[in-house]
Amino acid sequence: VVHGALRRSYRQLRDRCVQLAHALHKSGIGRGDTVAALLPNIPQMLECHYGVPMTGGVLNTLNTRLDAGTIAYCLDHGEAKAVIVDRELVPLLRVALTQCKAKPLLIEVDDPEASEAARANRLDGAADYEAFIAQGDANWSWIMPGDEWDAITLNYTSGTTGRPKGCLLYT
């Protein structure tokens, strides 16, 4: 994994994914629970792609170009139990959270490659991503899918013809 000055081996990626999964599990995320990710193409997004399904949960990657109302709709419709957000996108999520009923666990990613202004954004009550995954054990026995009907991702259309439509991907 390469991102700016960051260099991680596949072993380090695997360990961080399991740590994320275990930390989410300890926070109550389990089989069938949705974890939304409002992240650009950064290492933490890759960790979510592996780590969330390791809890038995469903990853909902939110398009960073959507407006706050559409994000709010996706959080409610997908029944998000947690949201992992890059600080660059905190202003967008902050507005979306005022428009939805969901009250997810909030986890912020501080991307060192982002601008200082973007990195200054904060959500009240949000956990820092690095501190959050530090609570996880890289040796945790993660959860395998029970069968081929266990969903691992929830994706939405852009909503150009009305409300976005959700599509589940199964194992």
Protein backbone atom coordinates (compact mmCIF):
# COMPACT_ATOMS: atom_id res chain seq x y z
CA VAL A 1 0.00 0.00 0.00
CA VAL A 2 1.49 3.32 -1.08
CA HIS A 3 0.02 6.73 -0.19
CA GLY A 4 2.29 9.76 -0.17
CA ALA A 5 5.17 8.91 2.18
CA LEU A 6 3.28 5.89 3.59
CA ARG A 7 4.48 2.40 2.67
CA ARG A 8 2.79 -0.73 4.08
CA SER A 9 3.31 -4.39 3.31
CA TYR A 10 0.48 -6.80 2.61
CA ARG A 11 1.03 -8.24 6.09
CA GLN A 12 0.59 -4.80 7.62
CA LEU A 13 -2.55 -4.28 5.51
CA ARG A 14 -3.94 -7.61 6.69
CA ASP A 15 -3.21 -6.76 10.33
CA ARG A 16 -4.87 -3.35 10.08
CA CYS A 17 -7.94 -4.87 8.40
CA VAL A 18 -8.32 -7.40 11.21
CA GLN A 19 -7.75 -4.68 13.82
CA LEU A 20 -10.50 -2.60 12.20
CA ALA A 21 -12.82 -5.61 12.13
CA HIS A 22 -12.15 -6.43 15.78
CA ALA A 23 -12.60 -2.80 16.90
CA LEU A 24 -15.91 -2.61 14.99
CA HIS A 25 -16.99 -5.94 16.48
CA LYS A 26 -16.18 -4.67 19.99
CA SER A 27 -18.32 -1.62 19.19
CA GLY A 28 -21.32 -3.81 18.41
CA ILE A 29 -21.03 -4.18 14.63
CA GLY A 30 -21.94 -7.69 13.55
CA ARG A 31 -23.51 -9.84 10.88
CA GLY A 32 -25.73 -7.80 8.58
CA ASP A 33 -24.90 -4.40 10.13
CA THR A 34 -24.08 -1.62 7.69
CA VAL A 35 -20.90 0.42 7.98
CA ALA A 36 -20.85 3.41 5.64
CA ALA A 37 -17.57 4.83 4.33
CA LEU A 38 -17.35 8.40 3.08
CA LEU A 39 -13.73 8.29 2.02
CA PRO A 40 -11.64 9.16 -1.02
CA ASN A 41 -9.25 6.62 -2.50
CA ILE A 42 -6.97 6.33 0.56
CA PRO A 43 -5.55 3.34 2.46
CA GLN A 44 -8.37 3.40 5.03
CA MET A 45 -10.90 2.80 2.24
CA LEU A 46 -8.99 -0.33 1.26
CA GLU A 47 -8.97 -1.40 4.93
CA CYS A 48 -12.75 -0.94 5.03
CA HIS A 49 -13.22 -3.15 1.97
CA TYR A 50 -11.66 -6.06 3.86
CA GLY A 51 -12.26 -5.14 7.51
CA VAL A 52 -16.01 -4.53 7.44
CA PRO A 53 -16.88 -7.93 5.87
CA MET A 54 -14.57 -9.54 8.47
CA THR A 55 -17.18 -8.52 11.09
CA GLY A 56 -19.99 -10.10 9.10
CA GLY A 57 -21.02 -6.52 8.35
CA VAL A 58 -21.96 -4.85 5.08
CA LEU A 59 -19.80 -2.07 3.63
CA ASN A 60 -21.68 0.85 2.09
CA THR A 61 -19.19 3.01 0.18
CA LEU A 62 -20.80 6.42 -0.28
CA ASN A 63 -20.01 8.40 -3.40
CA THR A 64 -18.07 11.48 -2.28
CA ARG A 65 -19.77 13.54 -5.01
CA LEU A 66 -23.30 13.06 -3.64
CA ASP A 67 -25.12 15.91 -1.94
CA ALA A 68 -25.93 15.85 1.77
CA GLY A 69 -29.60 14.97 1.24
CA THR A 70 -28.73 11.93 -0.84
CA ILE A 71 -26.12 10.81 1.68
CA ALA A 72 -28.71 11.21 4.45
CA TYR A 73 -31.12 9.05 2.45
CA CYS A 74 -28.46 6.34 1.96
CA LEU A 75 -27.57 6.35 5.68
CA ASP A 76 -31.22 5.89 6.63
CA HIS A 77 -32.15 3.44 3.89
CA GLY A 78 -29.00 1.36 4.50
CA GLU A 79 -29.54 1.55 8.28
CA ALA A 80 -25.93 2.64 8.88
CA LYS A 81 -24.65 1.63 12.31
CA ALA A 82 -21.29 3.36 11.75
CA VAL A 83 -19.76 5.89 9.36
CA ILE A 84 -16.06 6.15 8.63
CA VAL A 85 -15.37 9.59 7.16
CA ASP A 86 -12.32 11.48 5.94
CA ARG A 87 -12.01 14.86 7.67
CA GLU A 88 -12.04 16.49 4.23
CA LEU A 89 -15.68 15.31 3.92
CA VAL A 90 -16.81 16.12 7.47
CA PRO A 91 -18.69 19.30 6.42
CA LEU A 92 -20.76 17.25 3.96
CA LEU A 93 -21.46 14.50 6.50
CA ARG A 94 -22.30 17.04 9.20
CA VAL A 95 -25.13 18.41 7.03
CA ALA A 96 -26.28 14.89 6.06
CA LEU A 97 -26.50 13.89 9.72
CA THR A 98 -28.92 16.77 10.39
CA GLN A 99 -31.18 15.40 7.64
CA CYS A 100 -31.31 11.73 8.60
CA LYS A 101 -32.70 9.66 11.44
CA ALA A 102 -29.64 7.40 11.67
CA LYS A 103 -27.35 8.01 14.64
CA PRO A 104 -24.30 5.98 13.64
CA LEU A 105 -21.00 5.53 15.41
CA LEU A 106 -18.70 8.16 13.87
CA ILE A 107 -15.06 7.49 13.04
CA GLU A 108 -12.83 10.16 11.46
CA VAL A 109 -9.82 9.56 9.26
CA ASP A 110 -7.06 12.17 9.38
CA ASP A 111 -5.31 11.84 6.00
CA PRO A 112 -1.83 13.39 6.24
CA GLU A 113 -1.94 14.02 2.48
CA ALA A 114 -4.99 16.31 2.80
CA SER A 115 -4.73 20.08 3.17
CA GLU A 116 -4.38 21.62 6.61
CA ALA A 117 -7.83 23.18 6.22
CA ALA A 118 -9.40 19.79 5.44
CA ARG A 119 -7.58 18.15 8.34
CA ALA A 120 -8.96 20.78 10.73
CA ASN A 121 -12.56 19.56 10.24
CA ARG A 122 -13.98 17.64 13.19
CA LEU A 123 -17.26 15.95 14.15
CA ASP A 124 -18.39 16.15 17.76
CA GLY A 125 -18.21 12.75 19.40
CA ALA A 126 -16.29 11.09 16.55
CA ALA A 127 -13.51 8.62 17.27
CA ASP A 128 -10.11 9.03 15.62
CA TYR A 129 -9.61 6.17 13.15
CA GLU A 130 -6.07 5.31 14.26
CA ALA A 131 -7.03 5.31 17.95
CA PHE A 132 -10.14 3.28 17.10
CA ILE A 133 -8.32 0.50 15.25
CA ALA A 134 -5.61 0.44 17.93
CA GLN A 135 -8.31 -1.09 20.16
CA GLY A 136 -8.50 -4.07 17.79
CA ASP A 137 -6.41 -7.23 17.94
CA ALA A 138 -4.63 -8.20 14.71
CA ASN A 139 -4.84 -11.86 15.84
CA TRP A 140 -8.63 -11.82 16.24
CA SER A 141 -10.40 -14.75 14.55
CA TRP A 142 -12.53 -12.78 12.13
CA ILE A 143 -15.97 -13.88 11.02
CA MET A 144 -16.33 -15.87 7.82
CA PRO A 145 -19.55 -15.59 5.79
CA GLY A 146 -22.16 -18.10 6.93
CA ASP A 147 -23.19 -18.88 3.35
CA GLU A 148 -23.39 -17.31 -0.09
CA TRP A 149 -26.41 -15.22 0.95
CA ASP A 150 -24.42 -13.10 3.42
CA ALA A 151 -24.18 -9.60 1.94
CA ILE A 152 -20.77 -7.94 2.05
CA THR A 153 -21.42 -4.62 0.27
CA LEU A 154 -24.30 -2.24 -0.32
CA ASN A 155 -23.96 0.07 -3.29
CA TYR A 156 -26.29 2.85 -4.41
CA THR A 157 -26.97 4.36 -7.81
CA SER A 158 -26.42 8.10 -8.14
CA GLY A 159 -30.16 8.77 -8.02
CA THR A 160 -30.39 10.56 -11.37
CA THR A 161 -33.95 9.25 -11.94
CA GLY A 162 -35.20 9.70 -8.37
CA ARG A 163 -34.00 8.28 -5.09
CA PRO A 164 -30.86 6.12 -5.31
CA LYS A 165 -31.47 2.41 -5.60
CA GLY A 166 -29.49 0.07 -3.35
CA CYS A 167 -27.88 -3.10 -4.62
CA LEU A 168 -26.41 -5.78 -2.33
CA LEU A 169 -23.41 -7.87 -3.31
CA TYR A 170 -23.33 -11.31 -1.76
CA THR A 171 -20.34 -13.55 -1.06
